[in-house]
Amino acid sequence: MLTQKNFARGIEQQLPDGMVVASVPTEVQCHEELSDPIPDPEYLTGMVNFSEVSGYPLVQHWSLRSVLYHVKLNQWVLSQAFSSAIHSLDGATQRSDFVSILREFGNHYVQEAVYGFQESCTIWYPNKQVQRQLWLEYQDISKDRFGGAFTGHGGFE
């Protein structure tokens, strides 16, 4: 139901009545994780391709999650059509009438939602030289984008 002028900065569409938006503080909008490098499990099946001595190839998992807005239902606002349908139910209501209401309105509601994105990838290192080069590039990118602050592991030794 859209009767009030309910807009939030950064969200183009008008929000339904009863919805409120909380902006997420800048310092917690992005959360980056980088796992420790581990031996590639596809090469740990007894095949001779995996070198026990060098420890390669390795895989590392990276993910980035960004939360921009947190939208919550502030108050219950029921449409007139839904209220009328619910009030029409009584002990004598036929199952088919009840099913019809469920089809029209559903049986769940969204109480809150998070707007943002999540990205992830798996990095494959065939040898130490590639791992070293990618780690140095990653550090440069992290410093430029996130001020050098990230919550991951996986530093190169």
N, C-alpha and C. Protein backbone atom coordinates (compact mmCIF):
# COMPACT_ATOMS: atom_id res chain seq x y z
N MET A 1 0.85 -1.17 0.00
CA MET A 1 0.00 0.00 0.00
C MET A 1 0.90 1.23 0.00
N LEU A 2 0.64 2.17 -0.90
CA LEU A 2 1.47 3.35 -1.02
C LEU A 2 0.61 4.60 -0.87
N THR A 3 0.42 5.05 0.36
CA THR A 3 -0.38 6.24 0.58
C THR A 3 0.47 7.40 1.10
N GLN A 4 1.46 7.11 1.89
CA GLN A 4 2.34 8.15 2.42
C GLN A 4 3.46 8.42 1.44
N LYS A 5 4.08 9.58 1.55
CA LYS A 5 5.28 9.85 0.76
C LYS A 5 6.44 9.26 1.52
N ASN A 6 6.82 8.06 1.15
CA ASN A 6 7.83 7.30 1.91
C ASN A 6 9.01 7.00 0.99
N PHE A 7 9.98 7.91 0.94
CA PHE A 7 11.16 7.75 0.12
C PHE A 7 12.39 7.72 1.01
N ALA A 8 13.42 7.06 0.54
CA ALA A 8 14.70 7.02 1.26
C ALA A 8 15.80 7.46 0.30
N ARG A 9 16.76 8.20 0.79
CA ARG A 9 17.86 8.66 -0.05
C ARG A 9 18.62 7.46 -0.61
N GLY A 10 18.84 7.45 -1.91
CA GLY A 10 19.57 6.37 -2.54
C GLY A 10 18.69 5.24 -3.07
N ILE A 11 17.41 5.23 -2.70
CA ILE A 11 16.48 4.22 -3.21
C ILE A 11 15.43 4.95 -4.04
N GLU A 12 15.38 4.64 -5.34
CA GLU A 12 14.52 5.38 -6.26
C GLU A 12 13.03 5.16 -6.03
N GLN A 13 12.65 3.91 -5.76
CA GLN A 13 11.23 3.60 -5.62
C GLN A 13 10.70 4.10 -4.28
N GLN A 14 9.42 4.43 -4.28
CA GLN A 14 8.76 4.76 -3.03
C GLN A 14 8.61 3.47 -2.23
N LEU A 15 8.85 3.56 -0.94
CA LEU A 15 8.71 2.39 -0.06
C LEU A 15 7.26 2.25 0.38
N PRO A 16 6.81 1.03 0.61
CA PRO A 16 5.46 0.83 1.13
C PRO A 16 5.31 1.49 2.50
N ASP A 17 4.07 1.85 2.84
CA ASP A 17 3.81 2.42 4.16
C ASP A 17 4.32 1.47 5.24
N GLY A 18 4.83 2.03 6.29
CA GLY A 18 5.30 1.22 7.42
C GLY A 18 6.73 0.75 7.30
N MET A 19 7.38 1.04 6.17
CA MET A 19 8.78 0.62 5.99
C MET A 19 9.70 1.78 6.35
N VAL A 20 10.79 1.46 7.04
CA VAL A 20 11.81 2.46 7.35
C VAL A 20 13.16 1.95 6.88
N VAL A 21 14.02 2.88 6.51
CA VAL A 21 15.34 2.53 6.00
C VAL A 21 16.40 3.06 6.95
N ALA A 22 17.33 2.19 7.28
CA ALA A 22 18.48 2.60 8.09
C ALA A 22 19.71 2.48 7.21
N SER A 23 20.41 3.60 7.02
CA SER A 23 21.67 3.54 6.29
C SER A 23 22.70 2.85 7.18
N VAL A 24 23.53 2.05 6.56
CA VAL A 24 24.57 1.34 7.30
C VAL A 24 25.79 2.25 7.37
N PRO A 25 26.40 2.39 8.55
CA PRO A 25 27.59 3.25 8.67
C PRO A 25 28.68 2.83 7.68
N THR A 26 29.36 3.81 7.12
CA THR A 26 30.37 3.57 6.10
C THR A 26 31.42 2.56 6.54
N GLU A 27 31.85 2.63 7.79
CA GLU A 27 32.94 1.74 8.26
C GLU A 27 32.55 0.27 8.31
N VAL A 28 31.25 -0.04 8.23
CA VAL A 28 30.84 -1.45 8.25
C VAL A 28 30.10 -1.86 6.98
N GLN A 29 30.09 -1.00 5.96
CA GLN A 29 29.38 -1.33 4.72
C GLN A 29 30.04 -2.47 3.97
N CYS A 30 31.37 -2.54 3.98
CA CYS A 30 32.07 -3.58 3.24
C CYS A 30 32.77 -4.54 4.19
N HIS A 31 32.65 -5.81 3.89
CA HIS A 31 33.33 -6.83 4.68
C HIS A 31 33.99 -7.78 3.69
N GLU A 32 35.30 -7.85 3.75
CA GLU A 32 36.07 -8.67 2.83
C GLU A 32 36.71 -9.82 3.60
N GLU A 33 36.69 -10.99 3.01
CA GLU A 33 37.34 -12.15 3.62
C GLU A 33 38.20 -12.86 2.59
N LEU A 34 39.35 -13.26 3.03
CA LEU A 34 40.27 -14.03 2.19
C LEU A 34 40.74 -15.21 3.03
N SER A 35 40.43 -16.41 2.58
CA SER A 35 40.80 -17.60 3.36
C SER A 35 42.30 -17.86 3.26
N ASP A 36 42.78 -18.71 4.13
CA ASP A 36 44.16 -19.16 4.02
C ASP A 36 44.28 -20.04 2.78
N PRO A 37 45.41 -19.98 2.09
CA PRO A 37 45.59 -20.88 0.94
C PRO A 37 45.68 -22.34 1.43
N ILE A 38 45.00 -23.22 0.70
CA ILE A 38 45.02 -24.64 1.05
C ILE A 38 45.33 -25.45 -0.21
N PRO A 39 45.84 -26.66 -0.05
CA PRO A 39 46.07 -27.50 -1.23
C PRO A 39 44.77 -27.73 -2.00
N ASP A 40 44.86 -27.68 -3.31
CA ASP A 40 43.69 -27.89 -4.16
C ASP A 40 43.17 -29.31 -3.95
N PRO A 41 41.93 -29.46 -3.44
CA PRO A 41 41.40 -30.80 -3.14
C PRO A 41 41.31 -31.71 -4.37
N GLU A 42 41.20 -31.13 -5.56
CA GLU A 42 41.12 -31.95 -6.77
C GLU A 42 42.44 -32.66 -7.05
N TYR A 43 43.51 -32.16 -6.45
CA TYR A 43 44.82 -32.77 -6.66
C TYR A 43 45.25 -33.62 -5.46
N LEU A 44 44.39 -33.76 -4.48
CA LEU A 44 44.71 -34.56 -3.29
C LEU A 44 44.08 -35.95 -3.35
N THR A 45 43.90 -36.47 -4.52
CA THR A 45 43.24 -37.78 -4.66
C THR A 45 44.24 -38.89 -4.93
N GLY A 46 45.51 -38.64 -4.62
CA GLY A 46 46.53 -39.65 -4.85
C GLY A 46 47.17 -39.52 -6.21
N MET A 47 46.77 -38.52 -6.97
CA MET A 47 47.37 -38.33 -8.29
C MET A 47 48.78 -37.78 -8.11
N VAL A 48 49.65 -38.03 -9.07
CA VAL A 48 51.03 -37.59 -8.98
C VAL A 48 51.19 -36.11 -9.31
N ASN A 49 50.13 -35.43 -9.78
CA ASN A 49 50.24 -34.01 -10.14
C ASN A 49 50.50 -33.11 -8.94
N PHE A 50 50.04 -33.51 -7.76
CA PHE A 50 50.23 -32.67 -6.59
C PHE A 50 51.59 -32.94 -5.97
N SER A 51 52.36 -31.89 -5.80
CA SER A 51 53.70 -32.05 -5.25
C SER A 51 53.66 -31.88 -3.73
N GLU A 52 53.93 -32.94 -3.01
CA GLU A 52 53.96 -32.88 -1.55
C GLU A 52 55.07 -31.96 -1.07
N VAL A 53 56.13 -31.83 -1.84
CA VAL A 53 57.28 -31.02 -1.43
C VAL A 53 56.97 -29.53 -1.56
N SER A 54 56.49 -29.10 -2.72
CA SER A 54 56.26 -27.67 -2.93
C SER A 54 54.91 -27.21 -2.40
N GLY A 55 53.94 -28.12 -2.24
CA GLY A 55 52.63 -27.74 -1.72
C GLY A 55 51.72 -27.12 -2.74
N TYR A 56 52.07 -27.17 -4.01
CA TYR A 56 51.24 -26.56 -5.06
C TYR A 56 50.62 -27.62 -5.92
N PRO A 57 49.50 -27.36 -6.54
CA PRO A 57 48.75 -26.11 -6.61
C PRO A 57 47.93 -25.86 -5.34
N LEU A 58 47.63 -24.57 -5.09
CA LEU A 58 46.84 -24.15 -3.95
C LEU A 58 45.58 -23.43 -4.43
N VAL A 59 44.58 -23.40 -3.57
CA VAL A 59 43.39 -22.60 -3.83
C VAL A 59 43.15 -21.68 -2.64
N GLN A 60 42.52 -20.56 -2.92
CA GLN A 60 42.19 -19.58 -1.88
C GLN A 60 40.82 -19.01 -2.24
N HIS A 61 39.98 -18.82 -1.23
CA HIS A 61 38.62 -18.33 -1.46
C HIS A 61 38.52 -16.88 -1.00
N TRP A 62 37.96 -16.03 -1.86
CA TRP A 62 37.81 -14.60 -1.57
C TRP A 62 36.33 -14.25 -1.65
N SER A 63 35.87 -13.42 -0.72
CA SER A 63 34.49 -12.93 -0.80
C SER A 63 34.43 -11.49 -0.32
N LEU A 64 33.49 -10.77 -0.88
CA LEU A 64 33.25 -9.37 -0.51
C LEU A 64 31.75 -9.21 -0.36
N ARG A 65 31.35 -8.66 0.78
CA ARG A 65 29.93 -8.42 1.04
C ARG A 65 29.78 -6.95 1.37
N SER A 66 28.83 -6.32 0.71
CA SER A 66 28.58 -4.91 0.94
C SER A 66 27.11 -4.73 1.29
N VAL A 67 26.84 -4.10 2.41
CA VAL A 67 25.48 -3.81 2.84
C VAL A 67 25.31 -2.30 2.83
N LEU A 68 24.37 -1.82 2.02
CA LEU A 68 24.16 -0.38 1.90
C LEU A 68 22.99 0.11 2.75
N TYR A 69 21.90 -0.66 2.75
CA TYR A 69 20.70 -0.25 3.48
C TYR A 69 20.11 -1.45 4.20
N HIS A 70 19.46 -1.16 5.31
CA HIS A 70 18.72 -2.16 6.06
C HIS A 70 17.29 -1.63 6.14
N VAL A 71 16.35 -2.32 5.51
CA VAL A 71 14.96 -1.88 5.47
C VAL A 71 14.15 -2.77 6.40
N LYS A 72 13.35 -2.13 7.27
CA LYS A 72 12.54 -2.88 8.23
C LYS A 72 11.08 -2.45 8.17
N LEU A 73 10.23 -3.38 8.52
CA LEU A 73 8.82 -3.09 8.67
C LEU A 73 8.64 -2.44 10.03
N ASN A 74 8.27 -1.17 10.06
CA ASN A 74 8.16 -0.42 11.30
C ASN A 74 6.83 -0.63 11.98
N GLN A 75 5.80 -0.83 11.19
CA GLN A 75 4.46 -1.03 11.74
C GLN A 75 3.67 -1.93 10.82
N TRP A 76 2.69 -2.57 11.36
CA TRP A 76 1.83 -3.42 10.55
C TRP A 76 0.87 -2.52 9.77
N VAL A 77 0.91 -2.60 8.48
CA VAL A 77 -0.02 -1.85 7.63
C VAL A 77 -0.65 -2.87 6.69
N LEU A 78 -1.91 -3.14 6.92
CA LEU A 78 -2.61 -4.13 6.10
C LEU A 78 -3.48 -3.41 5.08
N SER A 79 -3.49 -3.92 3.87
CA SER A 79 -4.35 -3.33 2.85
C SER A 79 -5.81 -3.59 3.22
N GLN A 80 -6.69 -2.73 2.69
CA GLN A 80 -8.12 -2.90 2.95
C GLN A 80 -8.61 -4.23 2.40
N ALA A 81 -8.09 -4.63 1.23
CA ALA A 81 -8.51 -5.89 0.61
C ALA A 81 -8.12 -7.08 1.49
N PHE A 82 -6.91 -7.06 2.05
CA PHE A 82 -6.47 -8.15 2.91
C PHE A 82 -7.29 -8.19 4.19
N SER A 83 -7.50 -7.02 4.81
CA SER A 83 -8.30 -6.95 6.05
C SER A 83 -9.70 -7.51 5.82
N SER A 84 -10.31 -7.12 4.71
CA SER A 84 -11.67 -7.61 4.41
C SER A 84 -11.67 -9.12 4.22
N ALA A 85 -10.67 -9.63 3.49
CA ALA A 85 -10.59 -11.08 3.24
C ALA A 85 -10.42 -11.85 4.54
N ILE A 86 -9.56 -11.37 5.41
CA ILE A 86 -9.32 -12.05 6.69
C ILE A 86 -10.56 -12.00 7.58
N HIS A 87 -11.22 -10.85 7.61
CA HIS A 87 -12.42 -10.72 8.45
C HIS A 87 -13.61 -11.52 7.92
N SER A 88 -13.53 -11.93 6.66
CA SER A 88 -14.62 -12.74 6.10
C SER A 88 -14.52 -14.21 6.54
N LEU A 89 -13.37 -14.60 7.09
CA LEU A 89 -13.18 -15.98 7.52
C LEU A 89 -13.90 -16.23 8.85
N ASP A 90 -14.48 -17.38 8.96
CA ASP A 90 -15.06 -17.81 10.24
C ASP A 90 -15.03 -19.33 10.29
N GLY A 91 -15.66 -19.90 11.29
CA GLY A 91 -15.64 -21.35 11.47
C GLY A 91 -16.30 -22.11 10.34
N ALA A 92 -17.16 -21.44 9.58
CA ALA A 92 -17.89 -22.12 8.50
C ALA A 92 -17.21 -21.92 7.14
N THR A 93 -16.07 -21.26 7.13
CA THR A 93 -15.38 -21.00 5.86
C THR A 93 -14.95 -22.31 5.21
N GLN A 94 -15.23 -22.41 3.92
CA GLN A 94 -14.84 -23.59 3.17
C GLN A 94 -13.32 -23.56 2.91
N ARG A 95 -12.76 -24.73 2.83
CA ARG A 95 -11.31 -24.84 2.56
C ARG A 95 -10.94 -24.12 1.27
N SER A 96 -11.77 -24.24 0.26
CA SER A 96 -11.48 -23.61 -1.04
C SER A 96 -11.43 -22.08 -0.91
N ASP A 97 -12.26 -21.49 -0.04
CA ASP A 97 -12.22 -20.04 0.18
C ASP A 97 -10.91 -19.64 0.87
N PHE A 98 -10.49 -20.44 1.83
CA PHE A 98 -9.24 -20.18 2.54
C PHE A 98 -8.05 -20.28 1.57
N VAL A 99 -8.04 -21.32 0.73
CA VAL A 99 -6.98 -21.51 -0.25
C VAL A 99 -6.97 -20.34 -1.24
N SER A 100 -8.11 -19.85 -1.61
CA SER A 100 -8.21 -18.71 -2.52
C SER A 100 -7.54 -17.47 -1.92
N ILE A 101 -7.76 -17.23 -0.63
CA ILE A 101 -7.12 -16.10 0.05
C ILE A 101 -5.60 -16.29 0.10
N LEU A 102 -5.17 -17.51 0.38
CA LEU A 102 -3.73 -17.78 0.40
C LEU A 102 -3.10 -17.55 -0.98
N ARG A 103 -3.81 -17.95 -2.04
CA ARG A 103 -3.29 -17.74 -3.40
C ARG A 103 -3.16 -16.25 -3.71
N GLU A 104 -4.15 -15.49 -3.28
CA GLU A 104 -4.15 -14.06 -3.60
C GLU A 104 -3.12 -13.28 -2.79
N PHE A 105 -2.99 -13.59 -1.49
CA PHE A 105 -2.14 -12.78 -0.61
C PHE A 105 -0.88 -13.49 -0.13
N GLY A 106 -0.81 -14.79 -0.30
CA GLY A 106 0.35 -15.53 0.17
C GLY A 106 0.24 -15.88 1.64
N ASN A 107 1.27 -16.52 2.18
CA ASN A 107 1.23 -16.92 3.58
C ASN A 107 2.46 -16.44 4.35
N HIS A 108 3.22 -15.51 3.77
CA HIS A 108 4.39 -14.94 4.44
C HIS A 108 4.43 -13.44 4.19
N TYR A 109 5.19 -12.74 4.97
CA TYR A 109 5.44 -11.33 4.71
C TYR A 109 6.91 -11.06 5.00
N VAL A 110 7.43 -10.04 4.35
CA VAL A 110 8.82 -9.66 4.54
C VAL A 110 8.88 -8.66 5.68
N GLN A 111 9.62 -8.99 6.72
CA GLN A 111 9.72 -8.11 7.87
C GLN A 111 10.93 -7.18 7.75
N GLU A 112 12.00 -7.66 7.11
CA GLU A 112 13.17 -6.82 6.91
C GLU A 112 13.96 -7.33 5.71
N ALA A 113 14.74 -6.43 5.13
CA ALA A 113 15.55 -6.77 3.96
C ALA A 113 16.86 -6.00 4.02
N VAL A 114 17.89 -6.58 3.44
CA VAL A 114 19.19 -5.94 3.37
C VAL A 114 19.50 -5.71 1.89
N TYR A 115 19.84 -4.48 1.56
CA TYR A 115 20.20 -4.13 0.18
C TYR A 115 21.71 -4.01 0.09
N GLY A 116 22.28 -4.69 -0.86
CA GLY A 116 23.72 -4.66 -1.06
C GLY A 116 24.09 -5.70 -2.10
N PHE A 117 25.29 -6.24 -1.97
CA PHE A 117 25.71 -7.28 -2.91
C PHE A 117 26.75 -8.16 -2.25
N GLN A 118 26.99 -9.29 -2.88
CA GLN A 118 28.03 -10.21 -2.42
C GLN A 118 28.69 -10.82 -3.65
N GLU A 119 30.00 -10.83 -3.64
CA GLU A 119 30.80 -11.42 -4.71
C GLU A 119 31.78 -12.40 -4.09
N SER A 120 32.12 -13.43 -4.84
CA SER A 120 33.13 -14.36 -4.35
C SER A 120 33.82 -15.03 -5.53
N CYS A 121 35.00 -15.54 -5.28
CA CYS A 121 35.71 -16.29 -6.30
C CYS A 121 36.73 -17.21 -5.63
N THR A 122 37.22 -18.16 -6.39
CA THR A 122 38.27 -19.05 -5.94
C THR A 122 39.51 -18.77 -6.78
N ILE A 123 40.62 -18.56 -6.11
CA ILE A 123 41.88 -18.26 -6.78
C ILE A 123 42.72 -19.52 -6.79
N TRP A 124 43.27 -19.87 -7.94
CA TRP A 124 44.07 -21.08 -8.09
C TRP A 124 45.51 -20.68 -8.34
N TYR A 125 46.42 -21.16 -7.51
CA TYR A 125 47.84 -20.87 -7.65
C TYR A 125 48.57 -22.12 -8.13
N PRO A 126 49.09 -22.12 -9.35
CA PRO A 126 49.81 -23.30 -9.83
C PRO A 126 51.21 -23.42 -9.23
N ASN A 127 51.79 -22.27 -8.79
CA ASN A 127 53.15 -22.31 -8.24
C ASN A 127 53.39 -21.09 -7.35
N LYS A 128 54.54 -21.06 -6.70
CA LYS A 128 54.88 -20.01 -5.75
C LYS A 128 55.02 -18.64 -6.42
N GLN A 129 55.55 -18.59 -7.63
CA GLN A 129 55.74 -17.32 -8.32
C GLN A 129 54.39 -16.64 -8.61
N VAL A 130 53.42 -17.41 -9.08
CA VAL A 130 52.10 -16.86 -9.37
C VAL A 130 51.45 -16.39 -8.07
N GLN A 131 51.56 -17.17 -7.01
CA GLN A 131 50.97 -16.79 -5.72
C GLN A 131 51.59 -15.48 -5.23
N ARG A 132 52.89 -15.36 -5.31
CA ARG A 132 53.58 -14.14 -4.85
C ARG A 132 53.10 -12.93 -5.65
N GLN A 133 53.04 -13.05 -6.98
CA GLN A 133 52.62 -11.93 -7.82
C GLN A 133 51.18 -11.51 -7.53
N LEU A 134 50.27 -12.48 -7.43
CA LEU A 134 48.88 -12.15 -7.16
C LEU A 134 48.69 -11.55 -5.78
N TRP A 135 49.45 -12.03 -4.80
CA TRP A 135 49.34 -11.49 -3.45
C TRP A 135 49.81 -10.03 -3.43
N LEU A 136 50.88 -9.69 -4.12
CA LEU A 136 51.36 -8.31 -4.18
C LEU A 136 50.33 -7.41 -4.87
N GLU A 137 49.74 -7.89 -5.96
CA GLU A 137 48.70 -7.12 -6.65
C GLU A 137 47.48 -6.92 -5.75
N TYR A 138 47.10 -7.96 -5.02
CA TYR A 138 45.95 -7.88 -4.12
C TYR A 138 46.20 -6.83 -3.03
N GLN A 139 47.40 -6.82 -2.46
CA GLN A 139 47.71 -5.85 -1.42
C GLN A 139 47.62 -4.43 -1.97
N ASP A 140 48.11 -4.21 -3.18
CA ASP A 140 48.03 -2.88 -3.79
C ASP A 140 46.58 -2.45 -3.99
N ILE A 141 45.75 -3.36 -4.50
CA ILE A 141 44.33 -3.05 -4.72
C ILE A 141 43.63 -2.78 -3.40
N SER A 142 43.92 -3.59 -2.37
CA SER A 142 43.28 -3.41 -1.06
C SER A 142 43.63 -2.06 -0.46
N LYS A 143 44.88 -1.64 -0.60
CA LYS A 143 45.29 -0.34 -0.05
C LYS A 143 44.55 0.78 -0.75
N ASP A 144 44.42 0.68 -2.08
CA ASP A 144 43.75 1.73 -2.84
C ASP A 144 42.26 1.81 -2.53
N ARG A 145 41.60 0.66 -2.46
CA ARG A 145 40.14 0.64 -2.29
C ARG A 145 39.69 0.73 -0.85
N PHE A 146 40.36 0.03 0.04
CA PHE A 146 39.87 -0.10 1.41
C PHE A 146 40.83 0.52 2.42
N GLY A 147 41.75 1.31 1.99
CA GLY A 147 42.69 1.93 2.91
C GLY A 147 43.61 0.92 3.56
N GLY A 148 43.78 -0.23 2.92
CA GLY A 148 44.66 -1.26 3.46
C GLY A 148 44.01 -2.13 4.51
N ALA A 149 42.77 -1.81 4.89
CA ALA A 149 42.10 -2.59 5.94
C ALA A 149 41.23 -3.67 5.32
N PHE A 150 41.53 -4.89 5.62
CA PHE A 150 40.68 -6.00 5.20
C PHE A 150 40.70 -7.03 6.32
N THR A 151 39.71 -7.92 6.30
CA THR A 151 39.56 -8.86 7.40
C THR A 151 39.99 -10.26 7.01
N GLY A 152 40.82 -10.37 6.01
CA GLY A 152 41.15 -11.70 5.51
C GLY A 152 42.45 -12.25 6.04
N HIS A 153 42.76 -13.42 5.56
CA HIS A 153 44.00 -14.12 5.88
C HIS A 153 44.72 -14.36 4.57
N GLY A 154 45.73 -15.14 4.62
CA GLY A 154 46.33 -15.62 3.39
C GLY A 154 47.56 -14.86 2.95
N GLY A 155 48.19 -14.16 3.86
CA GLY A 155 49.41 -13.46 3.50
C GLY A 155 50.44 -14.39 2.91
N PHE A 156 51.28 -13.88 2.05
CA PHE A 156 52.30 -14.70 1.41
C PHE A 156 53.52 -14.71 2.29
N GLU A 157 54.11 -15.88 2.43
CA GLU A 157 55.29 -16.02 3.29
C GLU A 157 56.54 -16.09 2.47
